[in-house]
């Protein structure tokens, strides 16, 4: 445990950095989702919850933050990396696939001390752009459920971790929870086929993946009949833009319509971003895959607790005293701490 004075100093730095980010002149150029998702962090009690959430992952793994070289994989706008740097990480790195998010990071980075050991790259979790044995810890928080190739990510994480380093996964898509599985499958259908603007379990559907595929095909082939465009869009479920365009070319050359039609219970793929929409993982099965890669994993049910108080105590009691086969089926969130052997 860090001394209380150091903890207080770290909390103060977190608040100072957040205020600087949201007051910087560049703020008018940030991605619109940045304010929508993280503007609430300007409230000190919300920021404390956010920081405690990060700290609790490392406490779970009995791993310090201070003095460590840490990678947040699937970093989004990079604020977790900012908090890690504020909490004393030797170096805090973020990796994010989406260019607009990385651009926002670069804009707000100007608000922070230039000597802060904080770095961000644009890149794919399946091809980590780092040297072997670079990191003491890797985070994947609400991220692995979006990776198109999680098995390759696990191998890459093992490669870039130092011996004894830890991979920390936290995800709300707990495939061991029957109610979560039911709700998520309904959400998948909404992402694939839903109406723009609809709300499903806290998610707003901006535009269905089916409609996005229609637009890709229509843009590439404005001369096609609407019926053909619709057939191509329906038959290319789960494909990226490039794969859709290849299917379109096969149709033009050979008259072959693709047959990859969406089926209920299938996790759909965003054809623009190339990632999955809230993929489910059974944590025990994921842990077995991690063992095959060379990790020593431990699975934890998580019931919340970043607010502190009775919620933290409830999480402790449920996680500690309820038998694991029951608690993991009850928990909305699963966590895994996996040590590289």
C-alpha atoms as a PDB file:
ATOM      1  CA  UNK A   1       0.000   0.000   0.000  1.00  0.00           C
ATOM      2  CA  UNK A   2       1.251   3.495  -0.797  1.00  0.00           C
ATOM      3  CA  UNK A   3       1.528   6.023   2.083  1.00  0.00           C
ATOM      4  CA  UNK A   4      -1.584   8.122   2.696  1.00  0.00           C
ATOM      5  CA  UNK A   5       0.230  11.357   1.843  1.00  0.00           C
ATOM      6  CA  UNK A   6       1.333   9.865  -1.481  1.00  0.00           C
ATOM      7  CA  UNK A   7      -2.216   8.649  -2.169  1.00  0.00           C
ATOM      8  CA  UNK A   8      -3.584  12.131  -1.440  1.00  0.00           C
ATOM      9  CA  UNK A   9      -0.981  13.715  -3.708  1.00  0.00           C
ATOM     10  CA  UNK A  10      -1.880  11.273  -6.480  1.00  0.00           C
ATOM     11  CA  UNK A  11      -5.587  12.070  -6.141  1.00  0.00           C
ATOM     12  CA  UNK A  12      -4.823  15.783  -6.330  1.00  0.00           C
ATOM     13  CA  UNK A  13      -2.766  15.271  -9.475  1.00  0.00           C
ATOM     14  CA  UNK A  14      -5.605  13.300 -11.079  1.00  0.00           C
ATOM     15  CA  UNK A  15      -7.989  16.186 -10.411  1.00  0.00           C
ATOM     16  CA  UNK A  16      -5.506  18.758 -11.699  1.00  0.00           C
ATOM     17  CA  UNK A  17      -4.945  16.819 -14.924  1.00  0.00           C
ATOM     18  CA  UNK A  18      -8.668  16.384 -15.592  1.00  0.00           C
ATOM     19  CA  UNK A  19      -9.351  20.067 -15.003  1.00  0.00           C
ATOM     20  CA  UNK A  20      -6.466  21.030 -17.286  1.00  0.00           C
ATOM     21  CA  UNK A  21      -7.714  18.722 -20.053  1.00  0.00           C
ATOM     22  CA  UNK A  22     -11.266  20.091 -20.001  1.00  0.00           C
ATOM     23  CA  UNK A  23     -10.168  23.723 -19.725  1.00  0.00           C
ATOM     24  CA  UNK A  24      -7.545  23.651 -22.479  1.00  0.00           C
ATOM     25  CA  UNK A  25      -8.226  25.754 -25.607  1.00  0.00           C
ATOM     26  CA  UNK A  26      -8.060  22.559 -27.692  1.00  0.00           C
ATOM     27  CA  UNK A  27     -11.229  21.272 -26.004  1.00  0.00           C
ATOM     28  CA  UNK A  28     -13.426  22.605 -28.821  1.00  0.00           C
ATOM     29  CA  UNK A  29     -11.629  20.204 -31.175  1.00  0.00           C
ATOM     30  CA  UNK A  30     -12.025  17.065 -29.049  1.00  0.00           C
ATOM     31  CA  UNK A  31     -14.147  14.218 -30.396  1.00  0.00           C
ATOM     32  CA  UNK A  32     -17.787  14.712 -29.359  1.00  0.00           C
ATOM     33  CA  UNK A  33     -17.833  11.400 -27.486  1.00  0.00           C
ATOM     34  CA  UNK A  34     -15.028  12.563 -25.215  1.00  0.00           C
ATOM     35  CA  UNK A  35     -17.236  15.112 -23.476  1.00  0.00           C
ATOM     36  CA  UNK A  36     -20.248  12.781 -23.570  1.00  0.00           C
ATOM     37  CA  UNK A  37     -18.345   9.911 -21.942  1.00  0.00           C
ATOM     38  CA  UNK A  38     -15.856  11.616 -19.632  1.00  0.00           C
ATOM     39  CA  UNK A  39     -17.121  15.117 -18.904  1.00  0.00           C
ATOM     40  CA  UNK A  40     -18.530  13.778 -15.616  1.00  0.00           C
ATOM     41  CA  UNK A  41     -14.970  13.234 -14.371  1.00  0.00           C
ATOM     42  CA  UNK A  42     -14.843  16.945 -13.594  1.00  0.00           C
ATOM     43  CA  UNK A  43     -16.958  16.050 -10.540  1.00  0.00           C
ATOM     44  CA  UNK A  44     -14.446  14.986  -7.848  1.00  0.00           C
ATOM     45  CA  UNK A  45     -16.549  12.117  -6.469  1.00  0.00           C
ATOM     46  CA  UNK A  46     -16.980  10.600  -9.954  1.00  0.00           C
ATOM     47  CA  UNK A  47     -13.260  10.951 -10.613  1.00  0.00           C
ATOM     48  CA  UNK A  48     -12.473   9.195  -7.318  1.00  0.00           C
ATOM     49  CA  UNK A  49     -14.654   6.272  -8.388  1.00  0.00           C
ATOM     50  CA  UNK A  50     -12.871   6.122 -11.737  1.00  0.00           C
ATOM     51  CA  UNK A  51      -9.459   6.107 -10.054  1.00  0.00           C
ATOM     52  CA  UNK A  52     -10.519   3.499  -7.476  1.00  0.00           C
ATOM     53  CA  UNK A  53     -11.713   1.274 -10.319  1.00  0.00           C
ATOM     54  CA  UNK A  54      -8.206   1.370 -11.803  1.00  0.00           C
ATOM     55  CA  UNK A  55      -6.506   0.866  -8.450  1.00  0.00           C
ATOM     56  CA  UNK A  56      -8.734  -2.088  -7.568  1.00  0.00           C
ATOM     57  CA  UNK A  57      -7.522  -3.997 -10.637  1.00  0.00           C
ATOM     58  CA  UNK A  58      -3.934  -3.749  -9.466  1.00  0.00           C
ATOM     59  CA  UNK A  59      -4.889  -4.566  -5.874  1.00  0.00           C
ATOM     60  CA  UNK A  60      -6.659  -7.687  -7.161  1.00  0.00           C
ATOM     61  CA  UNK A  61      -3.394  -8.768  -8.803  1.00  0.00           C
ATOM     62  CA  UNK A  62      -1.290  -7.653  -5.806  1.00  0.00           C
ATOM     63  CA  UNK A  63       0.660  -5.475  -8.210  1.00  0.00           C
ATOM     64  CA  UNK A  64       1.713  -1.854  -7.604  1.00  0.00           C
ATOM     65  CA  UNK A  65       1.111   0.978 -10.045  1.00  0.00           C
ATOM     66  CA  UNK A  66       3.966   3.198  -8.908  1.00  0.00           C
ATOM     67  CA  UNK A  67       7.241   2.492 -10.674  1.00  0.00           C
ATOM     68  CA  UNK A  68       5.701   0.164 -13.269  1.00  0.00           C
ATOM     69  CA  UNK A  69       5.699   0.362 -17.072  1.00  0.00           C
ATOM     70  CA  UNK A  70       2.042  -0.165 -17.993  1.00  0.00           C
ATOM     71  CA  UNK A  71       0.118  -0.526 -21.256  1.00  0.00           C
ATOM     72  CA  UNK A  72      -3.614   0.150 -21.563  1.00  0.00           C
ATOM     73  CA  UNK A  73      -4.669  -1.824 -24.631  1.00  0.00           C
ATOM     74  CA  UNK A  74      -7.866  -0.577 -26.223  1.00  0.00           C
ATOM     75  CA  UNK A  75      -7.243   2.725 -24.486  1.00  0.00           C
ATOM     76  CA  UNK A  76     -10.040   4.729 -26.070  1.00  0.00           C
ATOM     77  CA  UNK A  77      -9.235   8.378 -25.445  1.00  0.00           C
ATOM     78  CA  UNK A  78      -6.365   7.441 -23.122  1.00  0.00           C
ATOM     79  CA  UNK A  79      -7.649   8.778 -19.810  1.00  0.00           C
ATOM     80  CA  UNK A  80      -6.844   5.561 -17.944  1.00  0.00           C
ATOM     81  CA  UNK A  81      -3.230   5.998 -19.030  1.00  0.00           C
ATOM     82  CA  UNK A  82      -3.373   9.598 -17.761  1.00  0.00           C
ATOM     83  CA  UNK A  83      -4.553   8.366 -14.369  1.00  0.00           C
ATOM     84  CA  UNK A  84      -1.836   5.691 -14.277  1.00  0.00           C
ATOM     85  CA  UNK A  85       0.803   8.349 -14.918  1.00  0.00           C
ATOM     86  CA  UNK A  86      -0.713  10.515 -12.183  1.00  0.00           C
ATOM     87  CA  UNK A  87      -0.628   7.532  -9.811  1.00  0.00           C
ATOM     88  CA  UNK A  88       3.116   7.167 -10.264  1.00  0.00           C
ATOM     89  CA  UNK A  89       3.623   4.723 -13.126  1.00  0.00           C
ATOM     90  CA  UNK A  90       7.167   4.815 -14.459  1.00  0.00           C
ATOM     91  CA  UNK A  91       5.610   5.028 -17.927  1.00  0.00           C
ATOM     92  CA  UNK A  92       1.958   4.818 -18.975  1.00  0.00           C
ATOM     93  CA  UNK A  93       1.239   3.795 -22.558  1.00  0.00           C
ATOM     94  CA  UNK A  94      -2.060   3.627 -24.425  1.00  0.00           C
ATOM     95  CA  UNK A  95      -2.841   1.756 -27.637  1.00  0.00           C
ATOM     96  CA  UNK A  96      -6.015   2.499 -29.597  1.00  0.00           C
ATOM     97  CA  UNK A  97      -7.254   1.387 -33.005  1.00  0.00           C
ATOM     98  CA  UNK A  98      -9.512   4.354 -33.761  1.00  0.00           C
ATOM     99  CA  UNK A  99      -7.691   7.351 -35.235  1.00  0.00           C
ATOM    100  CA  UNK A 100     -10.169  10.013 -33.995  1.00  0.00           C
ATOM    101  CA  UNK A 101      -9.659   8.876 -30.404  1.00  0.00           C
ATOM    102  CA  UNK A 102      -5.876   9.032 -30.721  1.00  0.00           C
ATOM    103  CA  UNK A 103      -6.205  12.487 -32.286  1.00  0.00           C
ATOM    104  CA  UNK A 104      -8.179  13.705 -29.265  1.00  0.00           C
ATOM    105  CA  UNK A 105      -5.480  12.327 -26.973  1.00  0.00           C
ATOM    106  CA  UNK A 106      -2.846  14.303 -28.862  1.00  0.00           C
ATOM    107  CA  UNK A 107      -4.928  17.456 -28.555  1.00  0.00           C
ATOM    108  CA  UNK A 108      -5.385  17.209 -24.793  1.00  0.00           C
ATOM    109  CA  UNK A 109      -1.824  15.980 -24.206  1.00  0.00           C
ATOM    110  CA  UNK A 110      -0.781  19.612 -24.676  1.00  0.00           C
ATOM    111  CA  UNK A 111      -2.644  20.452 -21.443  1.00  0.00           C
ATOM    112  CA  UNK A 112      -0.456  18.118 -19.361  1.00  0.00           C
ATOM    113  CA  UNK A 113       3.129  18.453 -18.119  1.00  0.00           C
ATOM    114  CA  UNK A 114       5.542  17.765 -20.988  1.00  0.00           C
ATOM    115  CA  UNK A 115       7.702  15.513 -18.800  1.00  0.00           C
ATOM    116  CA  UNK A 116       4.753  13.315 -17.758  1.00  0.00           C
ATOM    117  CA  UNK A 117       5.664   9.733 -18.809  1.00  0.00           C
ATOM    118  CA  UNK A 118       2.526   9.354 -20.924  1.00  0.00           C
ATOM    119  CA  UNK A 119       2.424   7.933 -24.439  1.00  0.00           C
ATOM    120  CA  UNK A 120      -0.202   6.889 -26.989  1.00  0.00           C
ATOM    121  CA  UNK A 121       0.002   4.979 -30.255  1.00  0.00           C
ATOM    122  CA  UNK A 122      -2.536   4.061 -32.876  1.00  0.00           C
ATOM    123  CA  UNK A 123      -2.453   0.320 -33.456  1.00  0.00           C
ATOM    124  CA  UNK A 124      -4.081  -3.092 -33.380  1.00  0.00           C
ATOM    125  CA  UNK A 125      -4.213  -5.324 -30.301  1.00  0.00           C
ATOM    126  CA  UNK A 126      -3.425  -8.278 -32.568  1.00  0.00           C
ATOM    127  CA  UNK A 127      -0.086  -6.723 -33.590  1.00  0.00           C
ATOM    128  CA  UNK A 128       1.266  -4.809 -30.602  1.00  0.00           C
ATOM    129  CA  UNK A 129       3.874  -2.280 -31.832  1.00  0.00           C
ATOM    130  CA  UNK A 130       6.279  -2.869 -28.936  1.00  0.00           C
ATOM    131  CA  UNK A 131       9.476  -4.787 -28.281  1.00  0.00           C
ATOM    132  CA  UNK A 132       9.486  -8.095 -26.423  1.00  0.00           C
ATOM    133  CA  UNK A 133       9.337  -7.875 -22.611  1.00  0.00           C
ATOM    134  CA  UNK A 134       8.513  -4.154 -22.538  1.00  0.00           C
ATOM    135  CA  UNK A 135       5.813  -3.977 -19.849  1.00  0.00           C
ATOM    136  CA  UNK A 136       5.233  -4.856 -16.210  1.00  0.00           C
ATOM    137  CA  UNK A 137       1.453  -4.842 -16.678  1.00  0.00           C
ATOM    138  CA  UNK A 138      -1.125  -4.690 -19.471  1.00  0.00           C
ATOM    139  CA  UNK A 139      -4.729  -3.597 -18.996  1.00  0.00           C
ATOM    140  CA  UNK A 140      -7.666  -4.611 -21.178  1.00  0.00           C
ATOM    141  CA  UNK A 141     -10.697  -2.932 -19.631  1.00  0.00           C
ATOM    142  CA  UNK A 142     -13.971  -3.350 -21.544  1.00  0.00           C
ATOM    143  CA  UNK A 143     -11.821  -3.963 -24.617  1.00  0.00           C
ATOM    144  CA  UNK A 144     -11.233  -7.671 -25.269  1.00  0.00           C
ATOM    145  CA  UNK A 145     -14.940  -8.078 -26.081  1.00  0.00           C
ATOM    146  CA  UNK A 146     -14.368  -5.853 -29.131  1.00  0.00           C
ATOM    147  CA  UNK A 147     -11.174  -7.450 -30.485  1.00  0.00           C
ATOM    148  CA  UNK A 148     -11.627  -9.355 -33.717  1.00  0.00           C
ATOM    149  CA  UNK A 149      -8.781 -11.752 -32.855  1.00  0.00           C
ATOM    150  CA  UNK A 150      -8.530 -12.126 -29.055  1.00  0.00           C
ATOM    151  CA  UNK A 151      -6.373 -15.262 -29.277  1.00  0.00           C
ATOM    152  CA  UNK A 152      -3.674 -13.350 -31.140  1.00  0.00           C
ATOM    153  CA  UNK A 153      -3.965 -10.524 -28.611  1.00  0.00           C
ATOM    154  CA  UNK A 154      -3.245 -12.970 -25.787  1.00  0.00           C
ATOM    155  CA  UNK A 155      -0.113 -14.201 -27.557  1.00  0.00           C
ATOM    156  CA  UNK A 156       0.983 -10.635 -28.249  1.00  0.00           C
ATOM    157  CA  UNK A 157       0.371  -9.620 -24.634  1.00  0.00           C
ATOM    158  CA  UNK A 158       2.472 -12.555 -23.461  1.00  0.00           C
ATOM    159  CA  UNK A 159       5.258 -11.498 -25.838  1.00  0.00           C
ATOM    160  CA  UNK A 160       5.493  -7.870 -24.694  1.00  0.00           C
ATOM    161  CA  UNK A 161       5.127  -8.563 -20.958  1.00  0.00           C
ATOM    162  CA  UNK A 162       8.221  -8.993 -18.835  1.00  0.00           C
ATOM    163  CA  UNK A 163       8.591 -12.334 -17.006  1.00  0.00           C
ATOM    164  CA  UNK A 164       6.325 -12.106 -13.987  1.00  0.00           C
ATOM    165  CA  UNK A 165       4.320  -9.327 -15.625  1.00  0.00           C
ATOM    166  CA  UNK A 166       0.542  -9.404 -15.388  1.00  0.00           C
ATOM    167  CA  UNK A 167      -2.315  -9.080 -17.875  1.00  0.00           C
ATOM    168  CA  UNK A 168      -5.387  -7.557 -16.216  1.00  0.00           C
ATOM    169  CA  UNK A 169      -8.749  -8.053 -17.924  1.00  0.00           C
ATOM    170  CA  UNK A 170     -12.035  -6.575 -16.766  1.00  0.00           C
ATOM    171  CA  UNK A 171     -15.163  -6.961 -18.877  1.00  0.00           C
ATOM    172  CA  UNK A 172     -18.914  -6.738 -18.385  1.00  0.00           C
ATOM    173  CA  UNK A 173     -19.685  -9.300 -21.098  1.00  0.00           C
ATOM    174  CA  UNK A 174     -19.730 -12.232 -18.701  1.00  0.00           C
ATOM    175  CA  UNK A 175     -20.762 -15.286 -20.693  1.00  0.00           C
ATOM    176  CA  UNK A 176     -21.211 -17.283 -17.472  1.00  0.00           C
ATOM    177  CA  UNK A 177     -24.154 -15.092 -16.423  1.00  0.00           C
ATOM    178  CA  UNK A 178     -27.357 -16.406 -18.095  1.00  0.00           C
ATOM    179  CA  UNK A 179     -29.242 -13.109 -17.808  1.00  0.00           C
ATOM    180  CA  UNK A 180     -26.267 -11.242 -19.263  1.00  0.00           C
ATOM    181  CA  UNK A 181     -26.120 -13.699 -22.166  1.00  0.00           C
ATOM    182  CA  UNK A 182     -29.818 -13.180 -22.922  1.00  0.00           C
ATOM    183  CA  UNK A 183     -29.574  -9.373 -22.856  1.00  0.00           C
ATOM    184  CA  UNK A 184     -26.388  -9.319 -24.903  1.00  0.00           C
ATOM    185  CA  UNK A 185     -27.857 -11.483 -27.658  1.00  0.00           C
ATOM    186  CA  UNK A 186     -30.781  -9.067 -27.919  1.00  0.00           C
ATOM    187  CA  UNK A 187     -28.286  -6.222 -28.087  1.00  0.00           C
ATOM    188  CA  UNK A 188     -26.395  -7.994 -30.892  1.00  0.00           C
ATOM    189  CA  UNK A 189     -29.574  -8.193 -32.959  1.00  0.00           C
ATOM    190  CA  UNK A 190     -30.179  -4.490 -32.344  1.00  0.00           C
ATOM    191  CA  UNK A 191     -26.678  -3.569 -33.509  1.00  0.00           C
ATOM    192  CA  UNK A 192     -27.104  -5.677 -36.640  1.00  0.00           C
ATOM    193  CA  UNK A 193     -30.719  -4.937 -37.561  1.00  0.00           C
ATOM    194  CA  UNK A 194     -32.051  -2.207 -35.265  1.00  0.00           C
ATOM    195  CA  UNK A 195     -33.418   1.235 -36.017  1.00  0.00           C
ATOM    196  CA  UNK A 196     -31.179   4.277 -35.742  1.00  0.00           C
ATOM    197  CA  UNK A 197     -31.651   6.087 -32.434  1.00  0.00           C
ATOM    198  CA  UNK A 198     -33.140   3.131 -30.542  1.00  0.00           C
ATOM    199  CA  UNK A 199     -31.887   2.438 -27.017  1.00  0.00           C
ATOM    200  CA  UNK A 200     -31.010  -1.084 -25.877  1.00  0.00           C
ATOM    201  CA  UNK A 201     -29.674  -1.719 -22.362  1.00  0.00           C
ATOM    202  CA  UNK A 202     -27.810   1.578 -22.210  1.00  0.00           C
ATOM    203  CA  UNK A 203     -26.580   1.470 -25.806  1.00  0.00           C
ATOM    204  CA  UNK A 204     -27.838   3.891 -28.436  1.00  0.00           C
ATOM    205  CA  UNK A 205     -27.923   2.364 -31.916  1.00  0.00           C
ATOM    206  CA  UNK A 206     -26.354   5.020 -34.184  1.00  0.00           C
ATOM    207  CA  UNK A 207     -26.930   3.065 -37.396  1.00  0.00           C
ATOM    208  CA  UNK A 208     -27.431  -0.657 -37.904  1.00  0.00           C
ATOM    209  CA  UNK A 209     -24.509  -2.659 -39.263  1.00  0.00           C
ATOM    210  CA  UNK A 210     -26.824  -3.853 -42.043  1.00  0.00           C
ATOM    211  CA  UNK A 211     -27.418  -0.247 -43.092  1.00  0.00           C
ATOM    212  CA  UNK A 212     -23.700   0.509 -42.917  1.00  0.00           C
ATOM    213  CA  UNK A 213     -23.030  -2.400 -45.270  1.00  0.00           C
ATOM    214  CA  UNK A 214     -25.714  -1.116 -47.643  1.00  0.00           C
ATOM    215  CA  UNK A 215     -23.993   2.265 -47.725  1.00  0.00           C
ATOM    216  CA  UNK A 216     -20.571   0.717 -48.385  1.00  0.00           C
ATOM    217  CA  UNK A 217     -21.993  -1.252 -51.319  1.00  0.00           C
ATOM    218  CA  UNK A 218     -24.042   1.650 -52.683  1.00  0.00           C
ATOM    219  CA  UNK A 219     -21.048   3.986 -52.560  1.00  0.00           C
ATOM    220  CA  UNK A 220     -18.874   1.459 -54.430  1.00  0.00           C
ATOM    221  CA  UNK A 221     -21.588   0.431 -56.925  1.00  0.00           C
ATOM    222  CA  UNK A 222     -24.127   3.242 -57.471  1.00  0.00           C
ATOM    223  CA  UNK A 223     -25.483   1.491 -60.588  1.00  0.00           C
ATOM    224  CA  UNK A 224     -26.757  -1.646 -58.798  1.00  0.00           C
ATOM    225  CA  UNK A 225     -30.464  -2.306 -58.316  1.00  0.00           C
ATOM    226  CA  UNK A 226     -31.729  -1.804 -54.777  1.00  0.00           C
ATOM    227  CA  UNK A 227     -32.689  -5.491 -54.505  1.00  0.00           C
ATOM    228  CA  UNK A 228     -29.125  -6.546 -55.319  1.00  0.00           C
ATOM    229  CA  UNK A 229     -27.655  -4.041 -52.869  1.00  0.00           C
ATOM    230  CA  UNK A 230     -29.955  -5.415 -50.163  1.00  0.00           C
ATOM    231  CA  UNK A 231     -29.029  -9.031 -50.967  1.00  0.00           C
ATOM    232  CA  UNK A 232     -25.320  -8.188 -50.866  1.00  0.00           C
ATOM    233  CA  UNK A 233     -25.702  -6.305 -47.581  1.00  0.00           C
ATOM    234  CA  UNK A 234     -27.610  -9.161 -45.944  1.00  0.00           C
ATOM    235  CA  UNK A 235     -25.144 -11.760 -47.214  1.00  0.00           C
ATOM    236  CA  UNK A 236     -22.039  -9.986 -45.906  1.00  0.00           C
ATOM    237  CA  UNK A 237     -22.830  -9.988 -42.185  1.00  0.00           C
ATOM    238  CA  UNK A 238     -19.675 -10.190 -40.076  1.00  0.00           C
ATOM    239  CA  UNK A 239     -17.442  -8.770 -42.816  1.00  0.00           C
ATOM    240  CA  UNK A 240     -15.229  -5.689 -42.796  1.00  0.00           C
ATOM    241  CA  UNK A 241     -15.374  -3.020 -45.491  1.00  0.00           C
ATOM    242  CA  UNK A 242     -12.580  -4.648 -47.492  1.00  0.00           C
ATOM    243  CA  UNK A 243     -14.214  -8.071 -47.281  1.00  0.00           C
ATOM    244  CA  UNK A 244     -17.536  -6.576 -48.398  1.00  0.00           C
ATOM    245  CA  UNK A 245     -15.873  -4.932 -51.395  1.00  0.00           C
ATOM    246  CA  UNK A 246     -14.258  -8.248 -52.345  1.00  0.00           C
ATOM    247  CA  UNK A 247     -17.672  -9.937 -52.147  1.00  0.00           C
ATOM    248  CA  UNK A 248     -19.070  -7.178 -54.355  1.00  0.00           C
ATOM    249  CA  UNK A 249     -16.312  -7.772 -56.907  1.00  0.00           C
ATOM    250  CA  UNK A 250     -17.051 -11.514 -56.972  1.00  0.00           C
ATOM    251  CA  UNK A 251     -20.686 -10.709 -57.640  1.00  0.00           C
ATOM    252  CA  UNK A 252     -19.759  -8.401 -60.508  1.00  0.00           C
ATOM    253  CA  UNK A 253     -17.426 -10.967 -62.054  1.00  0.00           C
ATOM    254  CA  UNK A 254     -19.319 -14.220 -61.479  1.00  0.00           C
ATOM    255  CA  UNK A 255     -22.818 -13.271 -60.330  1.00  0.00           C
ATOM    256  CA  UNK A 256     -22.120 -14.970 -56.991  1.00  0.00           C
ATOM    257  CA  UNK A 257     -24.122 -13.583 -54.075  1.00  0.00           C
ATOM    258  CA  UNK A 258     -22.528 -14.011 -50.619  1.00  0.00           C
ATOM    259  CA  UNK A 259     -24.398 -16.225 -48.171  1.00  0.00           C
ATOM    260  CA  UNK A 260     -23.056 -14.985 -44.828  1.00  0.00           C
ATOM    261  CA  UNK A 261     -26.465 -13.938 -43.473  1.00  0.00           C
ATOM    262  CA  UNK A 262     -26.878 -12.833 -39.852  1.00  0.00           C
ATOM    263  CA  UNK A 263     -28.159 -15.504 -37.465  1.00  0.00           C
ATOM    264  CA  UNK A 264     -29.727 -14.834 -34.075  1.00  0.00           C
ATOM    265  CA  UNK A 265     -27.193 -15.320 -31.292  1.00  0.00           C
ATOM    266  CA  UNK A 266     -24.210 -14.328 -33.447  1.00  0.00           C
ATOM    267  CA  UNK A 267     -22.051 -11.417 -32.307  1.00  0.00           C
ATOM    268  CA  UNK A 268     -22.072  -8.899 -35.199  1.00  0.00           C
ATOM    269  CA  UNK A 269     -19.056  -7.066 -36.574  1.00  0.00           C
ATOM    270  CA  UNK A 270     -18.934  -3.329 -37.170  1.00  0.00           C
ATOM    271  CA  UNK A 271     -18.020  -3.169 -40.891  1.00  0.00           C
ATOM    272  CA  UNK A 272     -16.492   0.299 -40.553  1.00  0.00           C
ATOM    273  CA  UNK A 273     -14.385  -0.119 -37.425  1.00  0.00           C
ATOM    274  CA  UNK A 274     -13.735  -3.841 -37.877  1.00  0.00           C
ATOM    275  CA  UNK A 275     -14.464  -4.805 -34.286  1.00  0.00           C
ATOM    276  CA  UNK A 276     -17.117  -6.861 -32.538  1.00  0.00           C
ATOM    277  CA  UNK A 277     -20.093  -5.401 -30.694  1.00  0.00           C
ATOM    278  CA  UNK A 278     -19.911  -6.584 -27.067  1.00  0.00           C
ATOM    279  CA  UNK A 279     -18.649 -10.124 -27.620  1.00  0.00           C
ATOM    280  CA  UNK A 280     -19.415 -12.540 -24.788  1.00  0.00           C
ATOM    281  CA  UNK A 281     -16.672 -14.475 -22.999  1.00  0.00           C
ATOM    282  CA  UNK A 282     -17.056 -17.270 -20.494  1.00  0.00           C
ATOM    283  CA  UNK A 283     -14.273 -16.279 -18.091  1.00  0.00           C
ATOM    284  CA  UNK A 284     -13.265 -19.847 -17.237  1.00  0.00           C
ATOM    285  CA  UNK A 285     -12.889 -20.744 -20.915  1.00  0.00           C
ATOM    286  CA  UNK A 286     -10.920 -17.542 -21.517  1.00  0.00           C
ATOM    287  CA  UNK A 287      -8.654 -18.431 -18.595  1.00  0.00           C
ATOM    288  CA  UNK A 288      -7.993 -21.868 -20.114  1.00  0.00           C
ATOM    289  CA  UNK A 289      -6.944 -20.212 -23.364  1.00  0.00           C
ATOM    290  CA  UNK A 290      -4.605 -17.948 -21.396  1.00  0.00           C
ATOM    291  CA  UNK A 291      -3.024 -20.994 -19.772  1.00  0.00           C
ATOM    292  CA  UNK A 292      -2.320 -22.453 -23.211  1.00  0.00           C
ATOM    293  CA  UNK A 293      -0.535 -19.237 -24.171  1.00  0.00           C
ATOM    294  CA  UNK A 294       1.682 -19.374 -21.081  1.00  0.00           C
ATOM    295  CA  UNK A 295      -0.147 -17.368 -18.420  1.00  0.00           C
ATOM    296  CA  UNK A 296      -1.118 -18.347 -14.891  1.00  0.00           C
ATOM    297  CA  UNK A 297      -4.616 -16.827 -14.643  1.00  0.00           C
ATOM    298  CA  UNK A 298      -7.007 -16.275 -11.757  1.00  0.00           C
ATOM    299  CA  UNK A 299     -10.672 -15.456 -12.401  1.00  0.00           C
ATOM    300  CA  UNK A 300     -12.642 -13.121 -10.120  1.00  0.00           C
ATOM    301  CA  UNK A 301     -16.349 -12.254 -10.126  1.00  0.00           C
ATOM    302  CA  UNK A 302     -16.847  -8.525  -9.693  1.00  0.00           C
ATOM    303  CA  UNK A 303     -19.967  -6.907  -8.269  1.00  0.00           C
ATOM    304  CA  UNK A 304     -18.765  -3.308  -8.124  1.00  0.00           C
ATOM    305  CA  UNK A 305     -17.205  -1.406  -5.276  1.00  0.00           C
ATOM    306  CA  UNK A 306     -15.494   1.622  -6.820  1.00  0.00           C
ATOM    307  CA  UNK A 307     -17.902   3.842  -4.860  1.00  0.00           C
ATOM    308  CA  UNK A 308     -16.520   2.412  -1.640  1.00  0.00           C
ATOM    309  CA  UNK A 309     -18.670   1.945   1.452  1.00  0.00           C
ATOM    310  CA  UNK A 310     -21.267  -0.803   1.552  1.00  0.00           C
ATOM    311  CA  UNK A 311     -20.921  -1.570  -2.165  1.00  0.00           C
ATOM    312  CA  UNK A 312     -17.260  -2.434  -1.671  1.00  0.00           C
ATOM    313  CA  UNK A 313     -18.150  -4.603   1.319  1.00  0.00           C
ATOM    314  CA  UNK A 314     -20.888  -6.354  -0.646  1.00  0.00           C
ATOM    315  CA  UNK A 315     -18.429  -7.081  -3.447  1.00  0.00           C
ATOM    316  CA  UNK A 316     -15.962  -8.492  -0.919  1.00  0.00           C
ATOM    317  CA  UNK A 317     -18.565 -10.744   0.707  1.00  0.00           C
ATOM    318  CA  UNK A 318     -20.038 -12.038  -2.557  1.00  0.00           C
ATOM    319  CA  UNK A 319     -16.619 -12.598  -4.112  1.00  0.00           C
ATOM    320  CA  UNK A 320     -15.101 -14.239  -1.042  1.00  0.00           C
ATOM    321  CA  UNK A 321     -17.832 -16.275   0.618  1.00  0.00           C
ATOM    322  CA  UNK A 322     -20.191 -17.308  -2.191  1.00  0.00           C
ATOM    323  CA  UNK A 323     -18.861 -20.441  -3.968  1.00  0.00           C
ATOM    324  CA  UNK A 324     -17.149 -19.502  -7.212  1.00  0.00           C
ATOM    325  CA  UNK A 325     -19.437 -21.529  -9.558  1.00  0.00           C
ATOM    326  CA  UNK A 326     -22.384 -19.541  -8.180  1.00  0.00           C
ATOM    327  CA  UNK A 327     -20.756 -16.126  -7.831  1.00  0.00           C
ATOM    328  CA  UNK A 328     -19.357 -16.104 -11.370  1.00  0.00           C
ATOM    329  CA  UNK A 329     -22.866 -16.808 -12.715  1.00  0.00           C
ATOM    330  CA  UNK A 330     -24.270 -13.961 -10.610  1.00  0.00           C
ATOM    331  CA  UNK A 331     -21.667 -11.348 -11.482  1.00  0.00           C
ATOM    332  CA  UNK A 332     -22.216  -8.913 -14.319  1.00  0.00           C
ATOM    333  CA  UNK A 333     -18.463  -8.312 -14.628  1.00  0.00           C
ATOM    334  CA  UNK A 334     -15.582 -10.771 -14.635  1.00  0.00           C
ATOM    335  CA  UNK A 335     -11.963  -9.982 -13.967  1.00  0.00           C
ATOM    336  CA  UNK A 336      -8.840 -11.973 -14.715  1.00  0.00           C
ATOM    337  CA  UNK A 337      -5.321 -11.441 -13.396  1.00  0.00           C
ATOM    338  CA  UNK A 338      -2.908 -13.515 -15.480  1.00  0.00           C
ATOM    339  CA  UNK A 339       0.794 -13.694 -14.672  1.00  0.00           C
ATOM    340  CA  UNK A 340       3.308 -14.417 -17.425  1.00  0.00           C
ATOM    341  CA  UNK A 341       5.247 -17.513 -16.444  1.00  0.00           C
END
